Amino acid sequence: MQSDNTLQAPKSERLVWLDWMRVAACFMVMVVHCTEPFYLGGEGSLILTQGDAFWASLFDSFVRSCVPLFIIASSYLQLPSRYSASEFFRRRTVRILVPFAVWTLVYACLWGEPIDNLKSLLLNFNYASGHLWFVYMLVGLYLLIPLLSPWAEKVSKQELKVYLWICLFTTLMPLIRDWMTEGGLAITYGPTGLPRQAPYPLWGECSWNAYGTFYYLSGFVGYVLLGLYLRRFVGELSWGKTLGIALPCYAVGFAIAFGGFLRRVMETAGGTFPIEGKVDMAVWWETTWYNDSIGVALMAIAWVLLFRKVKACGGFYRKVLLPISKASYGMYLGHLIILVPISGAIRGWLGTGTDGCLGFWTTPVEILLASLCSFICVAVVSILLQRIPKIGKYIIG
């Protein structure tokens, strides 16, 4: 998500396609969060109409690989690192942790009870600003970069391919757990004490051991390795080869994500809407939306291959897209402060579900309009904040 391309390339050789991908991923995040009100609400889970179920699944599935795209972009630039561990962490502290601390305090004081929020920050992010989970995960990956860098410099293409295939196999695990777990919404408590949906143990996991065979090669590490593979071993692909790989990957990935969510919603509804329940219900609906699931991974691969073909670096790129890309991390951190009221106002203006002023089309118009307005407003504010002398980089990154 960072704009610091000096880690792997001089400024004169800026990787244009990464800027386009980073900006697109930022907009995708807005779409994800503007879609959430159409399946989250009430006690935690709420879908008013069958139409809302369809549109929520369509829009969210289409953009669900936004977070993996940020990880791939970051890995592409930073692995292997050309800095010592101390220098690498010093640079990341200024770029990542300082803006994160600023926005964490803003959310803690703005939403909920400030005193309670500040106390809870000793152990975790505030759930009112749930999108900040991303930074904790990102910091964990950065801790691995100095360890992986010596290996990343000398690993062969075939060796790296083996690891990538293992990582891709682990993206099937959320679906395997869900398939093997009876009762749909069976909830147990994992090693962290947090409720885990569909907790069927696999390959060495048990009540006293969460670290099964594939634990260390699952999750976001696969996207880190994918960024490394693309940079080291994948040259310029023709449009024919790009589309020949990207389109099938995206079609299969989207079908898994879209069909999986919609099937679970319809199974829950039993033909009757609205449906409402605790947040555990939405967690189960989202099984095929997990960032480490096969559908999302396949769509991420497709998006990256397509963006690598983008070469446009004219006036629009220099004057509009590049400034947005440089402010993308700050946009992610602060966007909910602007997005939430905009999304709520548009929904209040146009109405909800089939009772909305546009009938069946009310929901998609609301999602697109809220996403676009939020993106523009957040981009403008973030760019202006970043340009504040001396302190702008500590706010936006």
Protein backbone atom coordinates (compact mmCIF):
# COMPACT_ATOMS: atom_id res chain seq x y z
CA MET A 1 0.00 0.00 0.00
CA GLN A 2 3.07 2.17 0.22
CA SER A 3 4.14 4.78 -2.29
CA ASP A 4 7.87 4.37 -1.55
CA ASN A 5 9.19 2.74 -4.72
CA THR A 6 12.80 3.50 -3.77
CA LEU A 7 13.01 0.09 -2.13
CA GLN A 8 13.43 -1.62 -5.49
CA ALA A 9 13.52 1.03 -8.18
CA PRO A 10 14.69 4.63 -8.51
CA LYS A 11 12.05 7.30 -8.81
CA SER A 12 12.81 7.72 -12.51
CA GLU A 13 11.70 4.13 -13.05
CA ARG A 14 8.45 4.26 -11.14
CA LEU A 15 6.26 1.22 -11.76
CA VAL A 16 3.18 2.82 -13.27
CA TRP A 17 1.02 -0.29 -13.15
CA LEU A 18 1.45 -0.55 -9.38
CA ASP A 19 0.06 2.97 -8.96
CA TRP A 20 -2.98 2.07 -11.06
CA MET A 21 -3.49 -1.12 -9.07
CA ARG A 22 -3.08 0.63 -5.74
CA VAL A 23 -5.68 3.28 -6.63
CA ALA A 24 -8.08 0.65 -7.95
CA ALA A 25 -7.66 -1.37 -4.75
CA CYS A 26 -8.46 1.77 -2.74
CA PHE A 27 -11.71 2.20 -4.66
CA MET A 28 -12.48 -1.50 -4.15
CA VAL A 29 -12.17 -0.99 -0.39
CA MET A 30 -14.77 1.77 -0.63
CA VAL A 31 -17.11 -0.57 -2.52
CA VAL A 32 -16.67 -3.29 0.12
CA HIS A 33 -17.55 -0.93 2.96
CA CYS A 34 -20.45 0.68 1.08
CA THR A 35 -21.87 -2.81 0.50
CA GLU A 36 -21.70 -3.87 4.15
CA PRO A 37 -24.89 -2.04 5.26
CA PHE A 38 -26.87 -4.29 2.94
CA TYR A 39 -26.03 -7.47 4.84
CA LEU A 40 -24.83 -6.20 8.24
CA GLY A 41 -27.16 -4.54 10.72
CA GLY A 42 -29.67 -5.20 13.48
CA GLU A 43 -28.10 -7.71 15.89
CA GLY A 44 -25.19 -8.12 13.51
CA SER A 45 -26.60 -9.70 10.33
CA LEU A 46 -29.51 -8.23 8.37
CA ILE A 47 -30.64 -8.55 4.75
CA LEU A 48 -33.94 -6.87 3.94
CA THR A 49 -34.75 -8.35 0.54
CA GLN A 50 -33.67 -11.06 -1.87
CA GLY A 51 -32.55 -8.29 -4.20
CA ASP A 52 -30.23 -6.91 -1.53
CA ALA A 53 -28.76 -10.39 -1.09
CA PHE A 54 -28.03 -10.58 -4.81
CA TRP A 55 -26.51 -7.11 -5.10
CA ALA A 56 -24.41 -7.48 -1.93
CA SER A 57 -22.99 -10.75 -3.21
CA LEU A 58 -22.36 -9.33 -6.69
CA PHE A 59 -20.57 -6.13 -5.68
CA ASP A 60 -18.59 -7.49 -2.75
CA SER A 61 -17.46 -10.58 -4.64
CA PHE A 62 -16.33 -8.45 -7.59
CA VAL A 63 -13.91 -6.38 -5.46
CA ARG A 64 -13.14 -8.78 -2.62
CA SER A 65 -9.49 -9.24 -3.59
CA CYS A 66 -8.63 -5.61 -2.75
CA VAL A 67 -6.60 -6.43 0.38
CA PRO A 68 -4.47 -9.10 -1.33
CA LEU A 69 -3.68 -6.56 -4.06
CA PHE A 70 -2.17 -4.21 -1.47
CA ILE A 71 -0.02 -7.05 -0.09
CA ILE A 72 1.17 -8.11 -3.54
CA ALA A 73 2.09 -4.51 -4.41
CA SER A 74 4.03 -4.10 -1.18
CA SER A 75 5.85 -7.41 -1.61
CA TYR A 76 6.69 -6.61 -5.24
CA LEU A 77 8.53 -3.50 -4.08
CA GLN A 78 10.11 -4.70 -0.86
CA LEU A 79 11.08 -8.37 -1.14
CA PRO A 80 13.98 -8.91 -1.05
CA SER A 81 14.82 -5.84 1.01
CA ARG A 82 17.94 -3.90 0.11
CA TYR A 83 18.25 -2.48 3.61
CA SER A 84 19.52 -3.82 6.89
CA ALA A 85 16.80 -4.95 9.29
CA SER A 86 17.22 -1.85 11.46
CA GLU A 87 17.00 0.52 8.48
CA PHE A 88 14.04 -1.36 7.03
CA PHE A 89 12.09 -1.12 10.29
CA ARG A 90 13.00 2.53 10.75
CA ARG A 91 11.57 3.37 7.34
CA ARG A 92 8.45 1.29 7.93
CA THR A 93 7.87 2.95 11.30
CA VAL A 94 7.69 6.38 9.71
CA ARG A 95 5.57 5.21 6.78
CA ILE A 96 3.26 2.77 8.55
CA LEU A 97 3.19 3.00 12.33
CA VAL A 98 3.15 6.77 12.88
CA PRO A 99 0.11 7.45 10.62
CA PHE A 100 -1.54 4.34 12.07
CA ALA A 101 -1.08 5.68 15.61
CA VAL A 102 -2.53 9.05 14.59
CA TRP A 103 -5.67 7.59 13.04
CA THR A 104 -6.09 5.03 15.81
CA LEU A 105 -6.31 7.87 18.32
CA VAL A 106 -8.71 9.78 16.06
CA TYR A 107 -11.11 6.85 15.87
CA ALA A 108 -10.78 6.13 19.58
CA CYS A 109 -11.83 9.68 20.44
CA LEU A 110 -14.43 10.05 17.70
CA TRP A 111 -16.44 6.82 17.98
CA GLY A 112 -17.61 5.15 21.18
CA GLU A 113 -16.27 5.84 24.67
CA PRO A 114 -12.80 7.42 24.40
CA ILE A 115 -11.54 6.16 27.78
CA ASP A 116 -12.60 2.56 27.13
CA ASN A 117 -11.28 2.75 23.59
CA LEU A 118 -7.88 3.98 24.72
CA LYS A 119 -7.65 1.21 27.31
CA SER A 120 -8.46 -1.48 24.76
CA LEU A 121 -5.76 -0.18 22.41
CA LEU A 122 -3.18 -1.75 24.67
CA LEU A 123 -4.23 -5.13 23.32
CA ASN A 124 -6.00 -4.63 20.00
CA PHE A 125 -7.73 -2.21 17.64
CA ASN A 126 -11.17 -0.84 18.48
CA TYR A 127 -13.87 -2.80 16.71
CA ALA A 128 -15.64 0.44 15.80
CA SER A 129 -12.71 1.03 13.44
CA GLY A 130 -12.47 -2.59 12.38
CA HIS A 131 -10.65 -1.88 9.12
CA LEU A 132 -7.49 -1.21 11.13
CA TRP A 133 -7.01 -4.97 11.49
CA PHE A 134 -5.13 -4.62 8.22
CA VAL A 135 -2.23 -2.73 9.78
CA TYR A 136 -1.65 -5.34 12.47
CA MET A 137 -1.48 -8.02 9.79
CA LEU A 138 0.79 -5.85 7.63
CA VAL A 139 3.21 -5.27 10.51
CA GLY A 140 3.37 -9.03 11.06
CA LEU A 141 4.35 -9.53 7.42
CA TYR A 142 6.97 -6.80 7.61
CA LEU A 143 8.55 -8.60 10.55
CA LEU A 144 9.20 -11.49 8.15
CA ILE A 145 10.74 -9.45 5.31
CA PRO A 146 14.31 -9.32 6.75
CA LEU A 147 14.12 -13.06 7.47
CA LEU A 148 12.87 -13.94 3.97
CA SER A 149 15.11 -11.55 2.04
CA PRO A 150 18.31 -13.69 1.92
CA TRP A 151 16.27 -16.67 0.69
CA ALA A 152 14.28 -14.50 -1.73
CA GLU A 153 17.50 -13.36 -3.44
CA LYS A 154 18.59 -16.87 -4.38
CA VAL A 155 15.44 -19.00 -4.56
CA SER A 156 14.93 -20.64 -7.96
CA LYS A 157 11.80 -20.34 -10.03
CA GLN A 158 10.87 -23.98 -9.55
CA GLU A 159 11.43 -23.87 -5.79
CA LEU A 160 9.27 -20.79 -5.45
CA LYS A 161 6.58 -22.41 -7.59
CA VAL A 162 6.37 -25.33 -5.16
CA TYR A 163 5.76 -22.95 -2.27
CA LEU A 164 3.16 -21.05 -4.26
CA TRP A 165 1.27 -24.25 -5.04
CA ILE A 166 1.31 -25.16 -1.35
CA CYS A 167 -0.01 -21.70 -0.47
CA LEU A 168 -2.72 -22.02 -3.11
CA PHE A 169 -3.75 -25.38 -1.66
CA THR A 170 -4.17 -23.78 1.77
CA THR A 171 -6.79 -21.44 0.28
CA LEU A 172 -9.05 -24.50 0.07
CA MET A 173 -8.92 -24.98 3.84
CA PRO A 174 -11.73 -22.52 4.73
CA LEU A 175 -14.02 -24.41 2.36
CA ILE A 176 -12.87 -27.81 3.63
CA ARG A 177 -13.54 -26.74 7.22
CA ASP A 178 -16.97 -25.45 6.27
CA TRP A 179 -17.78 -28.62 4.33
CA MET A 180 -16.66 -30.94 7.14
CA THR A 181 -18.41 -29.02 9.93
CA GLU A 182 -21.96 -30.10 10.60
CA GLY A 183 -24.59 -27.68 11.77
CA GLY A 184 -23.62 -24.67 9.66
CA LEU A 185 -23.06 -22.16 12.44
CA ALA A 186 -21.13 -24.36 14.84
CA ILE A 187 -18.94 -22.04 16.94
CA THR A 188 -16.00 -23.02 19.12
CA TYR A 189 -13.15 -21.03 20.58
CA GLY A 190 -9.73 -21.07 18.98
CA PRO A 191 -6.35 -20.54 20.61
CA THR A 192 -6.92 -16.77 20.75
CA GLY A 193 -10.23 -17.16 22.57
CA LEU A 194 -12.11 -15.61 19.65
CA PRO A 195 -15.04 -17.55 18.16
CA ARG A 196 -14.03 -19.44 15.04
CA GLN A 197 -16.66 -20.52 12.55
CA ALA A 198 -16.46 -24.02 11.02
CA PRO A 199 -13.53 -25.13 13.22
CA TYR A 200 -13.01 -28.65 11.87
CA PRO A 201 -9.37 -29.60 12.72
CA LEU A 202 -7.09 -30.41 9.79
CA TRP A 203 -3.64 -32.02 9.47
CA GLY A 204 -2.35 -31.91 13.01
CA GLU A 205 -4.69 -29.33 14.49
CA CYS A 206 -6.46 -30.22 17.69
CA SER A 207 -7.72 -28.60 20.88
CA TRP A 208 -4.16 -28.28 22.21
CA ASN A 209 -2.42 -27.35 18.94
CA ALA A 210 -3.46 -24.73 16.40
CA TYR A 211 -0.23 -25.04 14.40
CA GLY A 212 -1.01 -27.71 11.83
CA THR A 213 1.02 -28.67 8.79
CA PHE A 214 0.05 -25.67 6.68
CA TYR A 215 -0.22 -23.05 9.42
CA TYR A 216 3.04 -21.30 8.52
CA LEU A 217 2.37 -21.20 4.77
CA SER A 218 -1.26 -20.10 4.92
CA GLY A 219 -2.85 -16.68 5.13
CA PHE A 220 -1.21 -13.65 3.56
CA VAL A 221 2.27 -15.15 3.20
CA GLY A 222 1.16 -16.61 -0.13
CA TYR A 223 0.51 -13.12 -1.50
CA VAL A 224 3.97 -12.02 -0.34
CA LEU A 225 5.51 -14.92 -2.26
CA LEU A 226 3.33 -14.17 -5.29
CA GLY A 227 4.66 -10.61 -5.41
CA LEU A 228 8.21 -11.97 -5.28
CA TYR A 229 7.48 -14.50 -8.05
CA LEU A 230 5.97 -11.87 -10.35
CA ARG A 231 8.91 -9.51 -9.92
CA ARG A 232 11.67 -12.09 -10.33
CA PHE A 233 10.31 -14.61 -12.79
CA VAL A 234 7.37 -13.24 -14.78
CA GLY A 235 8.40 -11.00 -17.65
CA GLU A 236 6.24 -9.06 -20.03
CA LEU A 237 3.29 -11.21 -21.10
CA SER A 238 1.35 -10.69 -24.31
CA TRP A 239 -2.28 -9.64 -24.08
CA GLY A 240 -3.27 -13.06 -25.38
CA LYS A 241 -1.40 -14.92 -22.66
CA THR A 242 -2.50 -12.44 -20.01
CA LEU A 243 -6.17 -12.83 -20.86
CA GLY A 244 -5.75 -16.58 -21.30
CA ILE A 245 -4.70 -16.84 -17.64
CA ALA A 246 -6.55 -13.92 -16.04
CA LEU A 247 -10.04 -14.46 -17.43
CA PRO A 248 -10.41 -18.12 -16.38
CA CYS A 249 -8.88 -17.35 -12.97
CA TYR A 250 -11.26 -14.47 -12.41
CA ALA A 251 -14.32 -16.34 -13.71
CA VAL A 252 -13.71 -19.32 -11.42
CA GLY A 253 -12.76 -17.16 -8.44
CA PHE A 254 -15.80 -14.92 -8.83
CA ALA A 255 -18.15 -17.89 -9.23
CA ILE A 256 -16.83 -19.38 -5.96
CA ALA A 257 -17.09 -16.09 -4.03
CA PHE A 258 -20.44 -14.97 -5.45
CA GLY A 259 -22.11 -18.36 -5.47
CA GLY A 260 -20.84 -19.30 -2.03
CA PHE A 261 -22.15 -16.17 -0.32
CA LEU A 262 -25.50 -16.19 -2.10
CA ARG A 263 -26.06 -19.91 -1.47
CA ARG A 264 -25.49 -19.52 2.25
CA VAL A 265 -27.80 -16.51 2.43
CA MET A 266 -30.57 -18.35 0.59
CA GLU A 267 -30.09 -21.40 2.78
CA THR A 268 -30.48 -19.20 5.85
CA ALA A 269 -33.51 -17.35 4.49
CA GLY A 270 -35.41 -20.43 3.38
CA GLY A 271 -37.26 -18.25 0.89
CA THR A 272 -38.33 -15.63 3.42
CA PHE A 273 -36.93 -12.11 3.77
CA PRO A 274 -35.90 -10.11 5.71
CA ILE A 275 -33.41 -12.33 7.56
CA GLU A 276 -31.71 -11.21 10.73
CA GLY A 277 -29.38 -12.76 13.27
CA LYS A 278 -26.17 -12.36 15.21
CA VAL A 279 -22.93 -11.47 13.50
CA ASP A 280 -21.91 -15.15 13.49
CA MET A 281 -24.44 -15.60 10.70
CA ALA A 282 -22.69 -13.05 8.48
CA VAL A 283 -19.34 -14.64 9.30
CA TRP A 284 -20.68 -17.89 7.89
CA TRP A 285 -22.10 -16.16 4.80
CA GLU A 286 -18.65 -14.68 4.15
CA THR A 287 -16.84 -18.04 4.08
CA THR A 288 -15.97 -17.72 0.38
CA TRP A 289 -14.96 -14.07 0.88
CA TYR A 290 -12.10 -14.81 3.26
CA ASN A 291 -8.85 -13.23 2.06
CA ASP A 292 -7.15 -16.63 2.33
CA SER A 293 -9.82 -18.51 0.35
CA ILE A 294 -9.42 -19.92 -3.15
CA GLY A 295 -11.92 -17.64 -4.90
CA VAL A 296 -10.34 -14.44 -3.61
CA ALA A 297 -6.83 -15.72 -4.39
CA LEU A 298 -7.74 -16.55 -8.00
CA MET A 299 -9.33 -13.14 -8.52
CA ALA A 300 -6.24 -11.46 -7.04
CA ILE A 301 -4.01 -13.29 -9.52
CA ALA A 302 -6.25 -12.16 -12.38
CA TRP A 303 -6.28 -8.52 -11.28
CA VAL A 304 -2.49 -8.37 -10.93
CA LEU A 305 -1.88 -9.86 -14.38
CA LEU A 306 -4.29 -7.36 -15.93
CA PHE A 307 -2.83 -4.35 -14.14
CA ARG A 308 0.67 -5.32 -15.22
CA LYS A 309 -0.44 -4.48 -18.75
CA VAL A 310 -1.33 -0.89 -17.83
CA LYS A 311 1.27 1.55 -19.19
CA ALA A 312 -0.69 4.82 -19.24
CA CYS A 313 1.47 7.54 -17.70
CA GLY A 314 0.15 10.71 -19.33
CA GLY A 315 -1.36 13.82 -17.84
CA PHE A 316 -4.18 12.05 -15.99
CA TYR A 317 -1.69 9.70 -14.39
CA ARG A 318 0.70 12.44 -13.30
CA LYS A 319 -1.86 14.98 -12.12
CA VAL A 320 -4.63 12.78 -10.70
CA LEU A 321 -3.78 9.13 -10.25
CA LEU A 322 -0.21 9.46 -8.95
CA PRO A 323 -1.14 11.84 -6.08
CA ILE A 324 -3.95 9.48 -5.10
CA SER A 325 -1.59 6.52 -5.16
CA LYS A 326 0.90 8.33 -2.94
CA ALA A 327 -1.89 9.06 -0.45
CA SER A 328 -3.46 5.59 -0.64
CA TYR A 329 -2.29 4.38 2.77
CA GLY A 330 -3.74 7.42 4.50
CA MET A 331 -6.92 7.02 2.47
CA TYR A 332 -7.31 3.51 3.82
CA LEU A 333 -6.67 4.59 7.40
CA GLY A 334 -9.09 7.52 7.48
CA HIS A 335 -11.76 6.71 4.91
CA LEU A 336 -14.49 5.46 7.25
CA ILE A 337 -14.85 8.89 8.87
CA ILE A 338 -16.08 10.20 5.52
CA LEU A 339 -17.60 7.04 4.04
CA VAL A 340 -20.01 6.22 6.87
CA PRO A 341 -21.94 9.52 6.82
CA ILE A 342 -21.95 9.66 3.01
CA SER A 343 -23.25 6.10 2.72
CA GLY A 344 -25.88 6.72 5.39
CA ALA A 345 -27.05 9.96 3.77
CA ILE A 346 -27.42 8.38 0.32
CA ARG A 347 -29.31 5.43 1.76
CA GLY A 348 -31.61 7.78 3.64
CA TRP A 349 -32.15 9.83 0.49
CA LEU A 350 -32.93 6.97 -1.90
CA GLY A 351 -34.61 4.58 0.54
CA THR A 352 -33.94 0.90 1.13
CA GLY A 353 -34.66 -2.33 -0.72
CA THR A 354 -37.57 -2.53 -3.13
CA ASP A 355 -39.25 0.30 -1.21
CA GLY A 356 -36.52 2.64 -2.42
CA CYS A 357 -37.27 5.26 -5.03
CA LEU A 358 -35.62 3.18 -7.77
CA GLY A 359 -37.17 -0.15 -6.83
CA PHE A 360 -34.94 -3.15 -7.58
CA TRP A 361 -32.17 -0.81 -8.77
CA THR A 362 -32.05 1.25 -5.59
CA THR A 363 -29.38 -0.89 -3.90
CA PRO A 364 -26.82 -0.99 -6.77
CA VAL A 365 -27.19 2.75 -7.37
CA GLU A 366 -26.66 3.44 -3.66
CA ILE A 367 -23.57 1.24 -3.50
CA LEU A 368 -21.96 2.78 -6.60
CA LEU A 369 -22.90 6.36 -5.74
CA ALA A 370 -21.70 6.06 -2.13
CA SER A 371 -18.46 4.39 -3.24
CA LEU A 372 -17.68 7.02 -5.86
CA CYS A 373 -18.54 10.01 -3.65
CA SER A 374 -16.60 8.56 -0.73
CA PHE A 375 -13.57 7.81 -2.89
CA ILE A 376 -13.43 11.31 -4.34
CA CYS A 377 -13.90 13.05 -0.98
CA VAL A 378 -11.39 10.82 0.81
CA ALA A 379 -8.82 11.27 -1.97
CA VAL A 380 -9.10 15.07 -1.91
CA VAL A 381 -8.87 15.28 1.87
CA SER A 382 -5.95 12.83 2.05
CA ILE A 383 -3.94 14.62 -0.64
CA LEU A 384 -4.46 17.98 1.09
CA LEU A 385 -3.44 16.54 4.46
CA GLN A 386 -0.35 14.94 2.94
CA ARG A 387 0.76 18.30 1.57
CA ILE A 388 0.81 19.99 4.98
CA PRO A 389 4.44 21.00 5.46
CA LYS A 390 6.51 18.89 7.86
CA ILE A 391 3.62 16.89 9.38
CA GLY A 392 1.71 15.67 6.31
CA LYS A 393 3.75 12.48 5.91
CA TYR A 394 3.10 11.58 9.55
CA ILE A 395 -0.67 11.78 8.96
CA ILE A 396 -1.01 10.09 5.58
CA GLY A 397 2.24 8.15 5.20
